[in-house]
Amino acid sequence: MEDADIRAALDHHWAASDAGDLEAEHQIYREDAVLDYPQSGERIRGRRNIQASRAAQPNRKRFAVRRITGRDDLWVSEYVLTYDGRPSYTVSIMEFLDGKVARETQYFGEPFEPGPSRAQWVERMP
């Protein structure tokens, strides 16, 4: 699969995620895909289980993609995942096999206030 095709599939995936279209969101995964959440120690095996676990979440989710980069079979998406108005800065690492996601690892970071020790060198991001 060409890089442009994978990028288009990722764009479709994140747009479907933001729209709450669970069927379209999960078309990108292989049937035997594995999803890891290292911070909570969770692993979910299988596209249908990944989809069911997300459908069971009661929160309204929004996805704002900041950037997507990758080539060949390894792609990284950086985005802000907002649950009921509360942002979580997220990185998704997807490994593709035959044009579908075989493995995904997601990392989440909560916002925090900047430290005063570096205030003179930084500017606030929007």
N, C-alpha and C. Protein backbone atom coordinates (compact mmCIF):
# COMPACT_ATOMS: atom_id res chain seq x y z
N MET A 1 0.84 -1.18 0.00
CA MET A 1 0.00 0.00 0.00
C MET A 1 0.89 1.24 0.00
N GLU A 2 0.54 2.22 -0.77
CA GLU A 2 1.31 3.46 -0.89
C GLU A 2 1.09 4.35 0.33
N ASP A 3 2.08 5.17 0.63
CA ASP A 3 1.97 6.10 1.76
C ASP A 3 0.75 7.00 1.64
N ALA A 4 0.45 7.47 0.44
CA ALA A 4 -0.71 8.35 0.24
C ALA A 4 -2.01 7.64 0.59
N ASP A 5 -2.09 6.34 0.31
CA ASP A 5 -3.28 5.56 0.64
C ASP A 5 -3.43 5.41 2.15
N ILE A 6 -2.32 5.14 2.83
CA ILE A 6 -2.36 5.02 4.29
C ILE A 6 -2.73 6.36 4.91
N ARG A 7 -2.16 7.44 4.41
CA ARG A 7 -2.49 8.76 4.95
C ARG A 7 -3.98 9.06 4.76
N ALA A 8 -4.53 8.72 3.62
CA ALA A 8 -5.96 8.92 3.38
C ALA A 8 -6.80 8.07 4.34
N ALA A 9 -6.37 6.84 4.59
CA ALA A 9 -7.08 5.98 5.54
C ALA A 9 -7.03 6.56 6.95
N LEU A 10 -5.88 7.12 7.32
CA LEU A 10 -5.76 7.76 8.64
C LEU A 10 -6.64 8.99 8.74
N ASP A 11 -6.67 9.82 7.71
CA ASP A 11 -7.54 10.99 7.71
C ASP A 11 -9.00 10.57 7.88
N HIS A 12 -9.40 9.52 7.17
CA HIS A 12 -10.77 9.00 7.28
C HIS A 12 -11.03 8.47 8.69
N HIS A 13 -10.07 7.75 9.24
CA HIS A 13 -10.19 7.18 10.59
C HIS A 13 -10.42 8.27 11.63
N TRP A 14 -9.58 9.32 11.62
CA TRP A 14 -9.70 10.36 12.63
C TRP A 14 -10.95 11.20 12.43
N ALA A 15 -11.36 11.42 11.18
CA ALA A 15 -12.62 12.15 10.92
C ALA A 15 -13.81 11.34 11.43
N ALA A 16 -13.79 10.03 11.19
CA ALA A 16 -14.87 9.16 11.68
C ALA A 16 -14.87 9.10 13.20
N SER A 17 -13.67 9.09 13.80
CA SER A 17 -13.57 9.09 15.26
C SER A 17 -14.22 10.35 15.83
N ASP A 18 -13.91 11.49 15.22
CA ASP A 18 -14.47 12.76 15.69
C ASP A 18 -15.99 12.81 15.50
N ALA A 19 -16.47 12.20 14.43
CA ALA A 19 -17.91 12.20 14.14
C ALA A 19 -18.68 11.17 14.96
N GLY A 20 -17.97 10.29 15.67
CA GLY A 20 -18.63 9.25 16.45
C GLY A 20 -19.16 8.10 15.60
N ASP A 21 -18.62 7.93 14.40
CA ASP A 21 -19.02 6.85 13.50
C ASP A 21 -18.15 5.63 13.79
N LEU A 22 -18.60 4.78 14.70
CA LEU A 22 -17.80 3.65 15.17
C LEU A 22 -17.47 2.65 14.07
N GLU A 23 -18.40 2.43 13.15
CA GLU A 23 -18.12 1.47 12.07
C GLU A 23 -17.00 1.99 11.18
N ALA A 24 -17.11 3.24 10.71
CA ALA A 24 -16.09 3.81 9.83
C ALA A 24 -14.76 3.97 10.57
N GLU A 25 -14.83 4.34 11.85
CA GLU A 25 -13.62 4.53 12.64
C GLU A 25 -12.77 3.28 12.71
N HIS A 26 -13.41 2.12 12.75
CA HIS A 26 -12.67 0.87 12.98
C HIS A 26 -12.39 0.07 11.71
N GLN A 27 -12.73 0.61 10.54
CA GLN A 27 -12.41 -0.06 9.28
C GLN A 27 -10.91 -0.15 9.04
N ILE A 28 -10.15 0.70 9.69
CA ILE A 28 -8.70 0.76 9.48
C ILE A 28 -7.97 -0.42 10.12
N TYR A 29 -8.64 -1.13 11.04
CA TYR A 29 -7.99 -2.20 11.81
C TYR A 29 -8.15 -3.57 11.16
N ARG A 30 -7.12 -4.38 11.29
CA ARG A 30 -7.21 -5.80 10.92
C ARG A 30 -8.12 -6.50 11.93
N GLU A 31 -8.67 -7.61 11.55
CA GLU A 31 -9.52 -8.37 12.48
C GLU A 31 -8.75 -8.79 13.73
N ASP A 32 -7.45 -9.05 13.59
CA ASP A 32 -6.63 -9.51 14.71
C ASP A 32 -5.76 -8.39 15.30
N ALA A 33 -6.16 -7.14 15.09
CA ALA A 33 -5.39 -6.00 15.59
C ALA A 33 -5.25 -6.04 17.10
N VAL A 34 -4.17 -5.42 17.58
CA VAL A 34 -3.89 -5.32 19.02
C VAL A 34 -3.76 -3.84 19.35
N LEU A 35 -4.44 -3.42 20.41
CA LEU A 35 -4.37 -2.04 20.89
C LEU A 35 -3.81 -2.05 22.31
N ASP A 36 -2.73 -1.30 22.53
CA ASP A 36 -2.10 -1.20 23.84
C ASP A 36 -2.25 0.21 24.41
N TYR A 37 -2.57 0.27 25.70
CA TYR A 37 -2.56 1.50 26.49
C TYR A 37 -1.52 1.31 27.59
N PRO A 38 -0.25 1.64 27.34
CA PRO A 38 0.81 1.36 28.31
C PRO A 38 0.60 2.01 29.67
N GLN A 39 0.00 3.20 29.71
CA GLN A 39 -0.14 3.89 30.99
C GLN A 39 -1.09 3.17 31.95
N SER A 40 -2.08 2.47 31.40
CA SER A 40 -3.01 1.73 32.27
C SER A 40 -2.73 0.23 32.25
N GLY A 41 -1.77 -0.20 31.41
CA GLY A 41 -1.42 -1.61 31.34
C GLY A 41 -2.47 -2.46 30.63
N GLU A 42 -3.29 -1.85 29.77
CA GLU A 42 -4.36 -2.59 29.09
C GLU A 42 -3.93 -2.98 27.67
N ARG A 43 -4.38 -4.15 27.26
CA ARG A 43 -4.21 -4.63 25.89
C ARG A 43 -5.58 -5.16 25.45
N ILE A 44 -5.99 -4.76 24.26
CA ILE A 44 -7.25 -5.23 23.70
C ILE A 44 -6.92 -5.91 22.38
N ARG A 45 -7.40 -7.14 22.24
CA ARG A 45 -7.12 -7.93 21.04
C ARG A 45 -8.38 -8.04 20.18
N GLY A 46 -8.22 -7.75 18.91
CA GLY A 46 -9.30 -7.93 17.94
C GLY A 46 -10.07 -6.65 17.66
N ARG A 47 -10.34 -6.42 16.36
CA ARG A 47 -11.02 -5.20 15.94
C ARG A 47 -12.37 -5.04 16.63
N ARG A 48 -13.14 -6.07 16.71
CA ARG A 48 -14.48 -5.97 17.33
C ARG A 48 -14.38 -5.64 18.82
N ASN A 49 -13.39 -6.19 19.50
CA ASN A 49 -13.20 -5.86 20.92
C ASN A 49 -12.74 -4.42 21.11
N ILE A 50 -11.89 -3.95 20.22
CA ILE A 50 -11.46 -2.55 20.27
C ILE A 50 -12.67 -1.65 20.08
N GLN A 51 -13.48 -1.97 19.09
CA GLN A 51 -14.67 -1.16 18.81
C GLN A 51 -15.65 -1.22 19.98
N ALA A 52 -15.89 -2.39 20.53
CA ALA A 52 -16.83 -2.53 21.65
C ALA A 52 -16.35 -1.77 22.88
N SER A 53 -15.04 -1.79 23.13
CA SER A 53 -14.52 -1.08 24.30
C SER A 53 -14.71 0.42 24.15
N ARG A 54 -14.58 0.92 22.93
CA ARG A 54 -14.77 2.36 22.70
C ARG A 54 -16.25 2.72 22.72
N ALA A 55 -17.08 1.85 22.22
CA ALA A 55 -18.53 2.11 22.24
C ALA A 55 -19.06 2.16 23.67
N ALA A 56 -18.43 1.43 24.58
CA ALA A 56 -18.88 1.38 25.97
C ALA A 56 -18.50 2.62 26.77
N GLN A 57 -17.60 3.44 26.25
CA GLN A 57 -17.20 4.65 26.97
C GLN A 57 -18.36 5.65 26.95
N PRO A 58 -18.74 6.13 28.11
CA PRO A 58 -19.92 7.00 28.17
C PRO A 58 -19.65 8.45 27.76
N ASN A 59 -18.41 8.85 27.66
CA ASN A 59 -18.07 10.25 27.40
C ASN A 59 -18.26 10.61 25.93
N ARG A 60 -18.60 11.87 25.70
CA ARG A 60 -18.60 12.43 24.35
C ARG A 60 -17.17 12.78 24.00
N LYS A 61 -16.68 12.25 22.91
CA LYS A 61 -15.28 12.45 22.52
C LYS A 61 -15.19 13.31 21.28
N ARG A 62 -14.16 14.14 21.24
CA ARG A 62 -13.82 14.92 20.06
C ARG A 62 -12.34 14.71 19.77
N PHE A 63 -11.99 14.71 18.50
CA PHE A 63 -10.61 14.48 18.06
C PHE A 63 -10.16 15.65 17.20
N ALA A 64 -9.07 16.29 17.58
CA ALA A 64 -8.48 17.37 16.79
C ALA A 64 -7.05 16.97 16.46
N VAL A 65 -6.84 16.54 15.24
CA VAL A 65 -5.52 16.08 14.81
C VAL A 65 -4.59 17.27 14.65
N ARG A 66 -3.43 17.17 15.25
CA ARG A 66 -2.40 18.21 15.11
C ARG A 66 -1.45 17.88 13.98
N ARG A 67 -1.05 16.62 13.89
CA ARG A 67 -0.20 16.20 12.77
C ARG A 67 -0.17 14.68 12.67
N ILE A 68 0.12 14.25 11.47
CA ILE A 68 0.29 12.83 11.17
C ILE A 68 1.58 12.71 10.38
N THR A 69 2.42 11.78 10.80
CA THR A 69 3.66 11.57 10.08
C THR A 69 3.95 10.07 10.02
N GLY A 70 4.61 9.68 8.97
CA GLY A 70 4.97 8.27 8.86
C GLY A 70 5.37 7.92 7.45
N ARG A 71 5.71 6.67 7.29
CA ARG A 71 6.00 6.12 5.98
C ARG A 71 6.01 4.61 6.11
N ASP A 72 5.86 3.98 4.98
CA ASP A 72 5.82 2.52 4.94
C ASP A 72 4.76 2.00 5.91
N ASP A 73 5.15 1.22 6.88
CA ASP A 73 4.19 0.58 7.78
C ASP A 73 4.14 1.17 9.18
N LEU A 74 4.77 2.31 9.43
CA LEU A 74 4.78 2.92 10.77
C LEU A 74 4.33 4.37 10.68
N TRP A 75 3.24 4.71 11.39
CA TRP A 75 2.63 6.04 11.34
C TRP A 75 2.32 6.53 12.74
N VAL A 76 2.52 7.82 12.95
CA VAL A 76 2.28 8.45 14.24
C VAL A 76 1.29 9.60 14.05
N SER A 77 0.26 9.61 14.87
CA SER A 77 -0.71 10.70 14.88
C SER A 77 -0.63 11.40 16.23
N GLU A 78 -0.55 12.71 16.19
CA GLU A 78 -0.59 13.52 17.41
C GLU A 78 -1.92 14.27 17.37
N TYR A 79 -2.69 14.17 18.44
CA TYR A 79 -4.00 14.81 18.44
C TYR A 79 -4.43 15.16 19.85
N VAL A 80 -5.43 16.01 19.93
CA VAL A 80 -6.04 16.34 21.21
C VAL A 80 -7.36 15.58 21.26
N LEU A 81 -7.46 14.70 22.23
CA LEU A 81 -8.69 13.94 22.47
C LEU A 81 -9.41 14.61 23.62
N THR A 82 -10.60 15.10 23.35
CA THR A 82 -11.36 15.81 24.38
C THR A 82 -12.53 14.96 24.82
N TYR A 83 -12.55 14.64 26.11
CA TYR A 83 -13.66 13.90 26.71
C TYR A 83 -14.52 14.90 27.47
N ASP A 84 -15.76 15.05 27.03
CA ASP A 84 -16.69 15.96 27.70
C ASP A 84 -16.06 17.30 28.02
N GLY A 85 -15.33 17.87 27.05
CA GLY A 85 -14.74 19.18 27.21
C GLY A 85 -13.38 19.22 27.87
N ARG A 86 -12.85 18.10 28.30
CA ARG A 86 -11.55 18.05 28.98
C ARG A 86 -10.49 17.46 28.05
N PRO A 87 -9.45 18.24 27.71
CA PRO A 87 -8.47 17.77 26.72
C PRO A 87 -7.45 16.78 27.30
N SER A 88 -7.04 15.87 26.44
CA SER A 88 -5.94 14.97 26.72
C SER A 88 -5.07 14.95 25.47
N TYR A 89 -3.80 15.28 25.65
CA TYR A 89 -2.87 15.33 24.53
C TYR A 89 -2.38 13.92 24.26
N THR A 90 -2.59 13.46 23.04
CA THR A 90 -2.49 12.03 22.74
C THR A 90 -1.58 11.77 21.55
N VAL A 91 -0.84 10.66 21.64
CA VAL A 91 -0.02 10.17 20.54
C VAL A 91 -0.44 8.73 20.26
N SER A 92 -0.71 8.47 19.00
CA SER A 92 -1.08 7.13 18.55
C SER A 92 -0.01 6.64 17.59
N ILE A 93 0.55 5.48 17.87
CA ILE A 93 1.54 4.86 17.00
C ILE A 93 0.89 3.64 16.37
N MET A 94 0.77 3.66 15.06
CA MET A 94 0.11 2.57 14.34
C MET A 94 1.09 1.84 13.45
N GLU A 95 1.07 0.52 13.55
CA GLU A 95 1.87 -0.35 12.69
C GLU A 95 0.93 -1.04 11.72
N PHE A 96 1.19 -0.88 10.44
CA PHE A 96 0.32 -1.43 9.40
C PHE A 96 0.88 -2.74 8.86
N LEU A 97 -0.02 -3.62 8.47
CA LEU A 97 0.31 -4.88 7.80
C LEU A 97 -0.74 -5.08 6.71
N ASP A 98 -0.30 -5.18 5.48
CA ASP A 98 -1.21 -5.35 4.35
C ASP A 98 -2.28 -4.26 4.31
N GLY A 99 -1.90 -3.02 4.62
CA GLY A 99 -2.80 -1.89 4.48
C GLY A 99 -3.77 -1.65 5.62
N LYS A 100 -3.68 -2.43 6.68
CA LYS A 100 -4.55 -2.26 7.85
C LYS A 100 -3.70 -2.20 9.11
N VAL A 101 -4.25 -1.61 10.17
CA VAL A 101 -3.52 -1.50 11.43
C VAL A 101 -3.46 -2.88 12.10
N ALA A 102 -2.25 -3.34 12.35
CA ALA A 102 -2.03 -4.59 13.06
C ALA A 102 -1.82 -4.34 14.55
N ARG A 103 -1.20 -3.20 14.88
CA ARG A 103 -0.91 -2.86 16.27
C ARG A 103 -0.98 -1.35 16.42
N GLU A 104 -1.61 -0.93 17.52
CA GLU A 104 -1.65 0.50 17.86
C GLU A 104 -1.28 0.64 19.33
N THR A 105 -0.48 1.65 19.60
CA THR A 105 -0.14 2.01 20.98
C THR A 105 -0.52 3.46 21.16
N GLN A 106 -1.28 3.75 22.23
CA GLN A 106 -1.71 5.12 22.49
C GLN A 106 -1.17 5.59 23.84
N TYR A 107 -0.65 6.83 23.82
CA TYR A 107 -0.16 7.48 25.03
C TYR A 107 -0.97 8.75 25.26
N PHE A 108 -1.32 9.02 26.51
CA PHE A 108 -2.15 10.16 26.87
C PHE A 108 -1.41 11.05 27.86
N GLY A 109 -1.53 12.35 27.68
CA GLY A 109 -0.93 13.31 28.60
C GLY A 109 -1.95 14.36 28.99
N GLU A 110 -2.13 14.52 30.28
CA GLU A 110 -3.06 15.54 30.78
C GLU A 110 -2.37 16.90 30.78
N PRO A 111 -3.11 17.97 30.56
CA PRO A 111 -2.50 19.29 30.63
C PRO A 111 -2.03 19.62 32.05
N PHE A 112 -1.01 20.47 32.15
CA PHE A 112 -0.52 20.89 33.45
C PHE A 112 0.00 22.31 33.34
N GLU A 113 0.10 22.97 34.45
CA GLU A 113 0.59 24.34 34.48
C GLU A 113 2.10 24.36 34.29
N PRO A 114 2.61 25.35 33.57
CA PRO A 114 4.05 25.43 33.36
C PRO A 114 4.79 25.75 34.65
N GLY A 115 6.01 25.25 34.71
CA GLY A 115 6.85 25.50 35.87
C GLY A 115 7.42 26.91 35.84
N PRO A 116 7.49 27.57 36.97
CA PRO A 116 8.00 28.94 37.01
C PRO A 116 9.48 29.05 36.66
N SER A 117 10.24 27.97 36.80
CA SER A 117 11.67 28.03 36.55
C SER A 117 12.00 28.30 35.08
N ARG A 118 11.08 28.01 34.18
CA ARG A 118 11.37 28.23 32.75
C ARG A 118 10.51 29.34 32.14
N ALA A 119 9.76 30.05 32.93
CA ALA A 119 8.80 31.06 32.45
C ALA A 119 9.44 32.11 31.56
N GLN A 120 10.67 32.48 31.82
CA GLN A 120 11.30 33.54 31.04
C GLN A 120 11.65 33.12 29.61
N TRP A 121 11.63 31.83 29.32
CA TRP A 121 11.99 31.34 28.00
C TRP A 121 10.82 30.85 27.17
N VAL A 122 9.63 30.81 27.73
CA VAL A 122 8.52 30.17 27.01
C VAL A 122 7.41 31.17 26.71
N GLU A 123 6.58 30.77 25.76
CA GLU A 123 5.34 31.49 25.48
C GLU A 123 4.22 30.46 25.56
N ARG A 124 3.04 30.92 25.89
CA ARG A 124 1.89 30.02 26.01
C ARG A 124 1.38 29.63 24.62
N MET A 125 1.10 28.36 24.46
CA MET A 125 0.53 27.86 23.22
C MET A 125 -0.99 28.03 23.24
N PRO A 126 -1.57 28.19 22.06
CA PRO A 126 -3.04 28.30 22.01
C PRO A 126 -3.71 26.97 22.32
